[in-house]
């Protein structure tokens, strides 16, 4: 009986490492926990403006200029709120991923 060999290449690496077929399970539970954790972080650690800007820009896909126009603020102000909020979320995600 011939044994099939699997070779890692740049083209198939992602498929081989993350596909259910090869891993035997998926990461849906981990993703659900991460999503709930990050939503809690958004509620507790982000300022109201950071939360609003991230919700509108990232979750709803609105342009920063559009949000700035709606709020009567400069585009760079919106950009700073988004960057600060993303930094907090990234720090929280790294903490959770590290087993915190």
PDB file of N, CA and C in Angstrom:
ATOM      1  N   UNK A   1       0.851  -1.180   0.000  1.00  0.00           N
ATOM      2  CA  UNK A   1       0.000   0.000   0.000  1.00  0.00           C
ATOM      3  C   UNK A   1       0.892   1.237   0.000  1.00  0.00           C
ATOM      4  N   UNK A   2       0.617   2.143  -0.893  1.00  0.00           N
ATOM      5  CA  UNK A   2       1.416   3.353  -1.049  1.00  0.00           C
ATOM      6  C   UNK A   2       0.989   4.401  -0.018  1.00  0.00           C
ATOM      7  N   UNK A   3       1.965   5.036   0.624  1.00  0.00           N
ATOM      8  CA  UNK A   3       1.701   6.085   1.604  1.00  0.00           C
ATOM      9  C   UNK A   3       1.816   7.437   0.927  1.00  0.00           C
ATOM     10  N   UNK A   4       0.800   8.240   1.096  1.00  0.00           N
ATOM     11  CA  UNK A   4       0.846   9.588   0.537  1.00  0.00           C
ATOM     12  C   UNK A   4       1.697  10.474   1.429  1.00  0.00           C
ATOM     13  N   UNK A   5       2.535  11.256   0.818  1.00  0.00           N
ATOM     14  CA  UNK A   5       3.368  12.200   1.560  1.00  0.00           C
ATOM     15  C   UNK A   5       2.825  13.600   1.345  1.00  0.00           C
ATOM     16  N   UNK A   6       2.858  14.370   2.404  1.00  0.00           N
ATOM     17  CA  UNK A   6       2.405  15.754   2.320  1.00  0.00           C
ATOM     18  C   UNK A   6       3.617  16.656   2.485  1.00  0.00           C
ATOM     19  N   UNK A   7       3.804  17.535   1.548  1.00  0.00           N
ATOM     20  CA  UNK A   7       4.918  18.473   1.602  1.00  0.00           C
ATOM     21  C   UNK A   7       4.382  19.879   1.847  1.00  0.00           C
ATOM     22  N   UNK A   8       5.025  20.574   2.779  1.00  0.00           N
ATOM     23  CA  UNK A   8       4.638  21.956   3.046  1.00  0.00           C
ATOM     24  C   UNK A   8       5.257  22.868   2.007  1.00  0.00           C
ATOM     25  N   UNK A   9       4.427  23.692   1.432  1.00  0.00           N
ATOM     26  CA  UNK A   9       4.890  24.741   0.529  1.00  0.00           C
ATOM     27  C   UNK A   9       4.190  26.022   0.946  1.00  0.00           C
ATOM     28  N   UNK A  10       4.618  27.142   0.440  1.00  0.00           N
ATOM     29  CA  UNK A  10       3.958  28.407   0.756  1.00  0.00           C
ATOM     30  C   UNK A  10       2.491  28.385   0.321  1.00  0.00           C
ATOM     31  N   UNK A  11       2.186  27.683  -0.758  1.00  0.00           N
ATOM     32  CA  UNK A  11       0.829  27.648  -1.281  1.00  0.00           C
ATOM     33  C   UNK A  11      -0.116  26.813  -0.418  1.00  0.00           C
ATOM     34  N   UNK A  12       0.363  25.741   0.196  1.00  0.00           N
ATOM     35  CA  UNK A  12      -0.540  24.871   0.947  1.00  0.00           C
ATOM     36  C   UNK A  12      -0.361  24.938   2.453  1.00  0.00           C
ATOM     37  N   UNK A  13       0.569  25.738   2.936  1.00  0.00           N
ATOM     38  CA  UNK A  13       0.853  25.795   4.365  1.00  0.00           C
ATOM     39  C   UNK A  13      -0.385  26.166   5.189  1.00  0.00           C
ATOM     40  N   UNK A  14      -1.062  27.220   4.799  1.00  0.00           N
ATOM     41  CA  UNK A  14      -2.244  27.662   5.547  1.00  0.00           C
ATOM     42  C   UNK A  14      -3.329  26.581   5.538  1.00  0.00           C
ATOM     43  N   UNK A  15      -3.548  25.980   4.401  1.00  0.00           N
ATOM     44  CA  UNK A  15      -4.558  24.931   4.287  1.00  0.00           C
ATOM     45  C   UNK A  15      -4.216  23.752   5.194  1.00  0.00           C
ATOM     46  N   UNK A  16      -2.970  23.329   5.177  1.00  0.00           N
ATOM     47  CA  UNK A  16      -2.570  22.164   5.963  1.00  0.00           C
ATOM     48  C   UNK A  16      -2.605  22.434   7.460  1.00  0.00           C
ATOM     49  N   UNK A  17      -2.243  23.624   7.861  1.00  0.00           N
ATOM     50  CA  UNK A  17      -2.173  23.930   9.285  1.00  0.00           C
ATOM     51  C   UNK A  17      -3.524  24.258   9.899  1.00  0.00           C
ATOM     52  N   UNK A  18      -4.433  24.812   9.127  1.00  0.00           N
ATOM     53  CA  UNK A  18      -5.674  25.316   9.702  1.00  0.00           C
ATOM     54  C   UNK A  18      -6.937  24.608   9.240  1.00  0.00           C
ATOM     55  N   UNK A  19      -6.819  23.673   8.372  1.00  0.00           N
ATOM     56  CA  UNK A  19      -7.994  22.983   7.864  1.00  0.00           C
ATOM     57  C   UNK A  19      -8.426  21.882   8.829  1.00  0.00           C
ATOM     58  N   UNK A  20      -9.716  21.771   9.086  1.00  0.00           N
ATOM     59  CA  UNK A  20     -10.261  20.754   9.981  1.00  0.00           C
ATOM     60  C   UNK A  20      -9.834  19.348   9.565  1.00  0.00           C
ATOM     61  N   UNK A  21      -9.780  19.127   8.281  1.00  0.00           N
ATOM     62  CA  UNK A  21      -9.493  17.793   7.770  1.00  0.00           C
ATOM     63  C   UNK A  21      -8.181  17.250   8.319  1.00  0.00           C
ATOM     64  N   UNK A  22      -7.209  18.124   8.491  1.00  0.00           N
ATOM     65  CA  UNK A  22      -5.907  17.676   8.951  1.00  0.00           C
ATOM     66  C   UNK A  22      -5.722  17.835  10.456  1.00  0.00           C
ATOM     67  N   UNK A  23      -6.382  18.797  11.067  1.00  0.00           N
ATOM     68  CA  UNK A  23      -6.170  19.029  12.492  1.00  0.00           C
ATOM     69  C   UNK A  23      -7.070  18.168  13.364  1.00  0.00           C
ATOM     70  N   UNK A  24      -8.135  17.653  12.825  1.00  0.00           N
ATOM     71  CA  UNK A  24      -9.027  16.815  13.603  1.00  0.00           C
ATOM     72  C   UNK A  24     -10.076  17.600  14.375  1.00  0.00           C
ATOM     73  N   UNK A  25      -9.912  18.890  14.498  1.00  0.00           N
ATOM     74  CA  UNK A  25     -10.903  19.729  15.162  1.00  0.00           C
ATOM     75  C   UNK A  25     -10.765  21.141  14.617  1.00  0.00           C
ATOM     76  N   UNK A  26     -11.642  21.989  15.045  1.00  0.00           N
ATOM     77  CA  UNK A  26     -11.536  23.365  14.588  1.00  0.00           C
ATOM     78  C   UNK A  26     -11.350  24.272  15.791  1.00  0.00           C
ATOM     79  N   UNK A  27     -11.180  25.524  15.538  1.00  0.00           N
ATOM     80  CA  UNK A  27     -10.931  26.470  16.623  1.00  0.00           C
ATOM     81  C   UNK A  27     -12.144  27.344  16.908  1.00  0.00           C
ATOM     82  N   UNK A  28     -13.326  26.852  16.599  1.00  0.00           N
ATOM     83  CA  UNK A  28     -14.538  27.645  16.812  1.00  0.00           C
ATOM     84  C   UNK A  28     -14.738  28.037  18.262  1.00  0.00           C
ATOM     85  N   UNK A  29     -14.487  27.109  19.185  1.00  0.00           N
ATOM     86  CA  UNK A  29     -14.667  27.415  20.605  1.00  0.00           C
ATOM     87  C   UNK A  29     -13.691  28.495  21.063  1.00  0.00           C
ATOM     88  N   UNK A  30     -12.452  28.367  20.640  1.00  0.00           N
ATOM     89  CA  UNK A  30     -11.445  29.365  21.013  1.00  0.00           C
ATOM     90  C   UNK A  30     -11.812  30.729  20.436  1.00  0.00           C
ATOM     91  N   UNK A  31     -12.287  30.741  19.210  1.00  0.00           N
ATOM     92  CA  UNK A  31     -12.700  32.002  18.581  1.00  0.00           C
ATOM     93  C   UNK A  31     -13.889  32.623  19.303  1.00  0.00           C
ATOM     94  N   UNK A  32     -14.848  31.791  19.718  1.00  0.00           N
ATOM     95  CA  UNK A  32     -16.012  32.297  20.456  1.00  0.00           C
ATOM     96  C   UNK A  32     -15.578  32.921  21.781  1.00  0.00           C
ATOM     97  N   UNK A  33     -14.679  32.227  22.504  1.00  0.00           N
ATOM     98  CA  UNK A  33     -14.178  32.765  23.776  1.00  0.00           C
ATOM     99  C   UNK A  33     -13.449  34.082  23.558  1.00  0.00           C
ATOM    100  N   UNK A  34     -12.614  34.128  22.520  1.00  0.00           N
ATOM    101  CA  UNK A  34     -11.852  35.346  22.219  1.00  0.00           C
ATOM    102  C   UNK A  34     -12.796  36.489  21.877  1.00  0.00           C
ATOM    103  N   UNK A  35     -13.818  36.213  21.088  1.00  0.00           N
ATOM    104  CA  UNK A  35     -14.771  37.249  20.695  1.00  0.00           C
ATOM    105  C   UNK A  35     -15.514  37.801  21.912  1.00  0.00           C
ATOM    106  N   UNK A  36     -15.990  36.915  22.787  1.00  0.00           N
ATOM    107  CA  UNK A  36     -16.682  37.360  23.996  1.00  0.00           C
ATOM    108  C   UNK A  36     -15.752  38.170  24.896  1.00  0.00           C
ATOM    109  N   UNK A  37     -14.529  37.706  25.023  1.00  0.00           N
ATOM    110  CA  UNK A  37     -13.549  38.410  25.853  1.00  0.00           C
ATOM    111  C   UNK A  37     -13.291  39.808  25.298  1.00  0.00           C
ATOM    112  N   UNK A  38     -13.086  39.907  23.991  1.00  0.00           N
ATOM    113  CA  UNK A  38     -12.811  41.215  23.383  1.00  0.00           C
ATOM    114  C   UNK A  38     -14.026  42.142  23.458  1.00  0.00           C
ATOM    115  N   UNK A  39     -15.219  41.585  23.344  1.00  0.00           N
ATOM    116  CA  UNK A  39     -16.416  42.413  23.514  1.00  0.00           C
ATOM    117  C   UNK A  39     -16.505  42.953  24.940  1.00  0.00           C
ATOM    118  N   UNK A  40     -16.139  42.124  25.909  1.00  0.00           N
ATOM    119  CA  UNK A  40     -16.107  42.583  27.296  1.00  0.00           C
ATOM    120  C   UNK A  40     -15.049  43.657  27.495  1.00  0.00           C
ATOM    121  N   UNK A  41     -13.896  43.490  26.868  1.00  0.00           N
ATOM    122  CA  UNK A  41     -12.838  44.500  26.949  1.00  0.00           C
ATOM    123  C   UNK A  41     -13.317  45.802  26.326  1.00  0.00           C
ATOM    124  N   UNK A  42     -14.031  45.707  25.210  1.00  0.00           N
ATOM    125  CA  UNK A  42     -14.566  46.921  24.577  1.00  0.00           C
ATOM    126  C   UNK A  42     -15.484  47.661  25.539  1.00  0.00           C
ATOM    127  N   UNK A  43     -16.310  46.916  26.260  1.00  0.00           N
ATOM    128  CA  UNK A  43     -17.259  47.533  27.192  1.00  0.00           C
ATOM    129  C   UNK A  43     -16.559  48.147  28.398  1.00  0.00           C
ATOM    130  N   UNK A  44     -15.524  47.475  28.893  1.00  0.00           N
ATOM    131  CA  UNK A  44     -14.928  47.914  30.161  1.00  0.00           C
ATOM    132  C   UNK A  44     -13.681  48.778  30.026  1.00  0.00           C
ATOM    133  N   UNK A  45     -12.860  48.567  28.995  1.00  0.00           N
ATOM    134  CA  UNK A  45     -11.558  49.236  28.925  1.00  0.00           C
ATOM    135  C   UNK A  45     -11.471  50.368  27.904  1.00  0.00           C
ATOM    136  N   UNK A  46     -12.337  50.378  26.932  1.00  0.00           N
ATOM    137  CA  UNK A  46     -12.272  51.429  25.916  1.00  0.00           C
ATOM    138  C   UNK A  46     -13.116  52.624  26.331  1.00  0.00           C
ATOM    139  N   UNK A  47     -12.660  53.795  25.937  1.00  0.00           N
ATOM    140  CA  UNK A  47     -13.462  54.990  26.193  1.00  0.00           C
ATOM    141  C   UNK A  47     -14.696  54.925  25.296  1.00  0.00           C
ATOM    142  N   UNK A  48     -15.734  55.669  25.628  1.00  0.00           N
ATOM    143  CA  UNK A  48     -16.925  55.658  24.768  1.00  0.00           C
ATOM    144  C   UNK A  48     -16.601  56.044  23.316  1.00  0.00           C
ATOM    145  N   UNK A  49     -15.688  57.004  23.135  1.00  0.00           N
ATOM    146  CA  UNK A  49     -15.333  57.427  21.776  1.00  0.00           C
ATOM    147  C   UNK A  49     -14.557  56.329  21.040  1.00  0.00           C
ATOM    148  N   UNK A  50     -13.639  55.667  21.726  1.00  0.00           N
ATOM    149  CA  UNK A  50     -12.895  54.564  21.103  1.00  0.00           C
ATOM    150  C   UNK A  50     -13.852  53.450  20.702  1.00  0.00           C
ATOM    151  N   UNK A  51     -14.751  53.110  21.591  1.00  0.00           N
ATOM    152  CA  UNK A  51     -15.723  52.050  21.320  1.00  0.00           C
ATOM    153  C   UNK A  51     -16.603  52.414  20.122  1.00  0.00           C
ATOM    154  N   UNK A  52     -17.084  53.643  20.082  1.00  0.00           N
ATOM    155  CA  UNK A  52     -17.928  54.071  18.979  1.00  0.00           C
ATOM    156  C   UNK A  52     -17.168  54.028  17.655  1.00  0.00           C
ATOM    157  N   UNK A  53     -15.954  54.591  17.653  1.00  0.00           N
ATOM    158  CA  UNK A  53     -15.170  54.651  16.414  1.00  0.00           C
ATOM    159  C   UNK A  53     -14.811  53.264  15.903  1.00  0.00           C
ATOM    160  N   UNK A  54     -14.412  52.374  16.805  1.00  0.00           N
ATOM    161  CA  UNK A  54     -14.075  51.010  16.386  1.00  0.00           C
ATOM    162  C   UNK A  54     -15.315  50.280  15.889  1.00  0.00           C
ATOM    163  N   UNK A  55     -16.413  50.438  16.597  1.00  0.00           N
ATOM    164  CA  UNK A  55     -17.656  49.784  16.165  1.00  0.00           C
ATOM    165  C   UNK A  55     -18.068  50.247  14.776  1.00  0.00           C
ATOM    166  N   UNK A  56     -18.026  51.539  14.559  1.00  0.00           N
ATOM    167  CA  UNK A  56     -18.448  52.081  13.267  1.00  0.00           C
ATOM    168  C   UNK A  56     -17.466  51.730  12.148  1.00  0.00           C
ATOM    169  N   UNK A  57     -16.178  51.898  12.411  1.00  0.00           N
ATOM    170  CA  UNK A  57     -15.181  51.716  11.354  1.00  0.00           C
ATOM    171  C   UNK A  57     -14.896  50.247  11.063  1.00  0.00           C
ATOM    172  N   UNK A  58     -14.613  49.471  12.088  1.00  0.00           N
ATOM    173  CA  UNK A  58     -14.193  48.091  11.871  1.00  0.00           C
ATOM    174  C   UNK A  58     -15.383  47.148  11.730  1.00  0.00           C
ATOM    175  N   UNK A  59     -16.344  47.290  12.606  1.00  0.00           N
ATOM    176  CA  UNK A  59     -17.457  46.335  12.587  1.00  0.00           C
ATOM    177  C   UNK A  59     -18.504  46.665  11.537  1.00  0.00           C
ATOM    178  N   UNK A  60     -18.725  47.957  11.292  1.00  0.00           N
ATOM    179  CA  UNK A  60     -19.732  48.348  10.303  1.00  0.00           C
ATOM    180  C   UNK A  60     -19.123  48.775   8.972  1.00  0.00           C
ATOM    181  N   UNK A  61     -17.798  48.919   8.932  1.00  0.00           N
ATOM    182  CA  UNK A  61     -17.112  49.227   7.685  1.00  0.00           C
ATOM    183  C   UNK A  61     -17.229  50.665   7.204  1.00  0.00           C
ATOM    184  N   UNK A  62     -17.564  51.568   8.090  1.00  0.00           N
ATOM    185  CA  UNK A  62     -17.682  52.976   7.686  1.00  0.00           C
ATOM    186  C   UNK A  62     -16.307  53.616   7.574  1.00  0.00           C
ATOM    187  N   UNK A  63     -16.162  54.546   6.659  1.00  0.00           N
ATOM    188  CA  UNK A  63     -14.899  55.260   6.470  1.00  0.00           C
ATOM    189  C   UNK A  63     -14.660  56.220   7.639  1.00  0.00           C
ATOM    190  N   UNK A  64     -13.385  56.408   7.967  1.00  0.00           N
ATOM    191  CA  UNK A  64     -13.036  57.326   9.041  1.00  0.00           C
ATOM    192  C   UNK A  64     -13.521  58.743   8.738  1.00  0.00           C
ATOM    193  N   UNK A  65     -13.414  59.152   7.498  1.00  0.00           N
ATOM    194  CA  UNK A  65     -13.871  60.488   7.106  1.00  0.00           C
ATOM    195  C   UNK A  65     -15.369  60.657   7.350  1.00  0.00           C
ATOM    196  N   UNK A  66     -16.109  59.606   7.079  1.00  0.00           N
ATOM    197  CA  UNK A  66     -17.558  59.638   7.278  1.00  0.00           C
ATOM    198  C   UNK A  66     -17.904  59.778   8.765  1.00  0.00           C
ATOM    199  N   UNK A  67     -17.177  59.033   9.599  1.00  0.00           N
ATOM    200  CA  UNK A  67     -17.397  59.116  11.051  1.00  0.00           C
ATOM    201  C   UNK A  67     -17.025  60.511  11.551  1.00  0.00           C
ATOM    202  N   UNK A  68     -15.907  61.024  11.071  1.00  0.00           N
ATOM    203  CA  UNK A  68     -15.450  62.356  11.476  1.00  0.00           C
ATOM    204  C   UNK A  68     -16.471  63.417  11.086  1.00  0.00           C
ATOM    205  N   UNK A  69     -17.008  63.310   9.892  1.00  0.00           N
ATOM    206  CA  UNK A  69     -18.017  64.266   9.418  1.00  0.00           C
ATOM    207  C   UNK A  69     -19.273  64.197  10.292  1.00  0.00           C
ATOM    208  N   UNK A  70     -19.687  62.978  10.639  1.00  0.00           N
ATOM    209  CA  UNK A  70     -20.869  62.797  11.473  1.00  0.00           C
ATOM    210  C   UNK A  70     -20.688  63.431  12.848  1.00  0.00           C
ATOM    211  N   UNK A  71     -19.492  63.290  13.409  1.00  0.00           N
ATOM    212  CA  UNK A  71     -19.234  63.794  14.764  1.00  0.00           C
ATOM    213  C   UNK A  71     -18.720  65.232  14.786  1.00  0.00           C
ATOM    214  N   UNK A  72     -18.419  65.773  13.611  1.00  0.00           N
ATOM    215  CA  UNK A  72     -17.883  67.123  13.540  1.00  0.00           C
ATOM    216  C   UNK A  72     -16.458  67.214  14.053  1.00  0.00           C
ATOM    217  N   UNK A  73     -15.696  66.143  13.855  1.00  0.00           N
ATOM    218  CA  UNK A  73     -14.310  66.094  14.306  1.00  0.00           C
ATOM    219  C   UNK A  73     -13.372  65.950  13.118  1.00  0.00           C
ATOM    220  N   UNK A  74     -12.097  66.157  13.388  1.00  0.00           N
ATOM    221  CA  UNK A  74     -11.078  65.982  12.366  1.00  0.00           C
ATOM    222  C   UNK A  74     -10.854  64.493  12.131  1.00  0.00           C
ATOM    223  N   UNK A  75     -10.523  64.122  10.913  1.00  0.00           N
ATOM    224  CA  UNK A  75     -10.268  62.729  10.563  1.00  0.00           C
ATOM    225  C   UNK A  75      -9.132  62.149  11.406  1.00  0.00           C
ATOM    226  N   UNK A  76      -8.099  62.955  11.693  1.00  0.00           N
ATOM    227  CA  UNK A  76      -6.972  62.454  12.476  1.00  0.00           C
ATOM    228  C   UNK A  76      -7.387  62.119  13.909  1.00  0.00           C
ATOM    229  N   UNK A  77      -8.377  62.819  14.435  1.00  0.00           N
ATOM    230  CA  UNK A  77      -8.886  62.524  15.773  1.00  0.00           C
ATOM    231  C   UNK A  77      -9.534  61.151  15.794  1.00  0.00           C
ATOM    232  N   UNK A  78     -10.324  60.863  14.787  1.00  0.00           N
ATOM    233  CA  UNK A  78     -10.965  59.552  14.678  1.00  0.00           C
ATOM    234  C   UNK A  78      -9.907  58.464  14.541  1.00  0.00           C
ATOM    235  N   UNK A  79      -8.894  58.734  13.732  1.00  0.00           N
ATOM    236  CA  UNK A  79      -7.797  57.783  13.528  1.00  0.00           C
ATOM    237  C   UNK A  79      -7.096  57.477  14.852  1.00  0.00           C
ATOM    238  N   UNK A  80      -6.850  58.489  15.662  1.00  0.00           N
ATOM    239  CA  UNK A  80      -6.195  58.288  16.962  1.00  0.00           C
ATOM    240  C   UNK A  80      -7.073  57.463  17.908  1.00  0.00           C
ATOM    241  N   UNK A  81      -8.376  57.725  17.914  1.00  0.00           N
ATOM    242  CA  UNK A  81      -9.279  56.939  18.763  1.00  0.00           C
ATOM    243  C   UNK A  81      -9.276  55.471  18.343  1.00  0.00           C
ATOM    244  N   UNK A  82      -9.303  55.224  17.057  1.00  0.00           N
ATOM    245  CA  UNK A  82      -9.283  53.845  16.550  1.00  0.00           C
ATOM    246  C   UNK A  82      -7.963  53.172  16.904  1.00  0.00           C
ATOM    247  N   UNK A  83      -6.857  53.868  16.704  1.00  0.00           N
ATOM    248  CA  UNK A  83      -5.542  53.294  16.997  1.00  0.00           C
ATOM    249  C   UNK A  83      -5.397  52.970  18.486  1.00  0.00           C
ATOM    250  N   UNK A  84      -5.836  53.874  19.345  1.00  0.00           N
ATOM    251  CA  UNK A  84      -5.739  53.635  20.792  1.00  0.00           C
ATOM    252  C   UNK A  84      -6.613  52.455  21.215  1.00  0.00           C
ATOM    253  N   UNK A  85      -7.817  52.367  20.647  1.00  0.00           N
ATOM    254  CA  UNK A  85      -8.709  51.258  20.970  1.00  0.00           C
ATOM    255  C   UNK A  85      -8.155  49.932  20.480  1.00  0.00           C
ATOM    256  N   UNK A  86      -7.609  49.925  19.270  1.00  0.00           N
ATOM    257  CA  UNK A  86      -7.025  48.702  18.716  1.00  0.00           C
ATOM    258  C   UNK A  86      -5.834  48.247  19.550  1.00  0.00           C
ATOM    259  N   UNK A  87      -5.060  49.197  20.047  1.00  0.00           N
ATOM    260  CA  UNK A  87      -3.902  48.870  20.874  1.00  0.00           C
ATOM    261  C   UNK A  87      -4.359  48.170  22.161  1.00  0.00           C
ATOM    262  N   UNK A  88      -5.409  48.677  22.776  1.00  0.00           N
ATOM    263  CA  UNK A  88      -5.945  48.052  23.990  1.00  0.00           C
ATOM    264  C   UNK A  88      -6.490  46.656  23.694  1.00  0.00           C
ATOM    265  N   UNK A  89      -7.200  46.519  22.579  1.00  0.00           N
ATOM    266  CA  UNK A  89      -7.755  45.213  22.219  1.00  0.00           C
ATOM    267  C   UNK A  89      -6.653  44.204  21.902  1.00  0.00           C
ATOM    268  N   UNK A  90      -5.616  44.674  21.222  1.00  0.00           N
ATOM    269  CA  UNK A  90      -4.495  43.786  20.894  1.00  0.00           C
ATOM    270  C   UNK A  90      -3.802  43.293  22.161  1.00  0.00           C
ATOM    271  N   UNK A  91      -3.605  44.205  23.096  1.00  0.00           N
ATOM    272  CA  UNK A  91      -2.971  43.839  24.369  1.00  0.00           C
ATOM    273  C   UNK A  91      -3.830  42.806  25.105  1.00  0.00           C
ATOM    274  N   UNK A  92      -5.135  43.011  25.109  1.00  0.00           N
ATOM    275  CA  UNK A  92      -6.047  42.078  25.764  1.00  0.00           C
ATOM    276  C   UNK A  92      -6.027  40.722  25.072  1.00  0.00           C
ATOM    277  N   UNK A  93      -5.994  40.720  23.739  1.00  0.00           N
ATOM    278  CA  UNK A  93      -5.973  39.467  22.980  1.00  0.00           C
ATOM    279  C   UNK A  93      -4.681  38.686  23.233  1.00  0.00           C
ATOM    280  N   UNK A  94      -3.567  39.404  23.314  1.00  0.00           N
ATOM    281  CA  UNK A  94      -2.292  38.748  23.601  1.00  0.00           C
ATOM    282  C   UNK A  94      -2.310  38.140  25.000  1.00  0.00           C
ATOM    283  N   UNK A  95      -2.928  38.833  25.947  1.00  0.00           N
ATOM    284  CA  UNK A  95      -3.036  38.327  27.302  1.00  0.00           C
ATOM    285  C   UNK A  95      -3.846  37.034  27.335  1.00  0.00           C
ATOM    286  N   UNK A  96      -4.984  37.024  26.651  1.00  0.00           N
ATOM    287  CA  UNK A  96      -5.829  35.841  26.625  1.00  0.00           C
ATOM    288  C   UNK A  96      -5.133  34.688  25.908  1.00  0.00           C
ATOM    289  N   UNK A  97      -4.479  34.992  24.792  1.00  0.00           N
ATOM    290  CA  UNK A  97      -3.796  33.967  24.006  1.00  0.00           C
ATOM    291  C   UNK A  97      -2.652  33.343  24.788  1.00  0.00           C
ATOM    292  N   UNK A  98      -2.039  34.127  25.693  1.00  0.00           N
ATOM    293  CA  UNK A  98      -0.932  33.633  26.502  1.00  0.00           C
ATOM    294  C   UNK A  98      -1.421  32.796  27.678  1.00  0.00           C
ATOM    295  N   UNK A  99      -2.735  32.696  27.807  1.00  0.00           N
ATOM    296  CA  UNK A  99      -3.288  31.858  28.860  1.00  0.00           C
ATOM    297  C   UNK A  99      -3.715  32.643  30.088  1.00  0.00           C
ATOM    298  N   UNK A 100      -3.825  33.965  29.943  1.00  0.00           N
ATOM    299  CA  UNK A 100      -4.181  34.828  31.067  1.00  0.00           C
ATOM    300  C   UNK A 100      -5.610  34.794  31.426  1.00  0.00           C
TER     301      UNK A 100
END
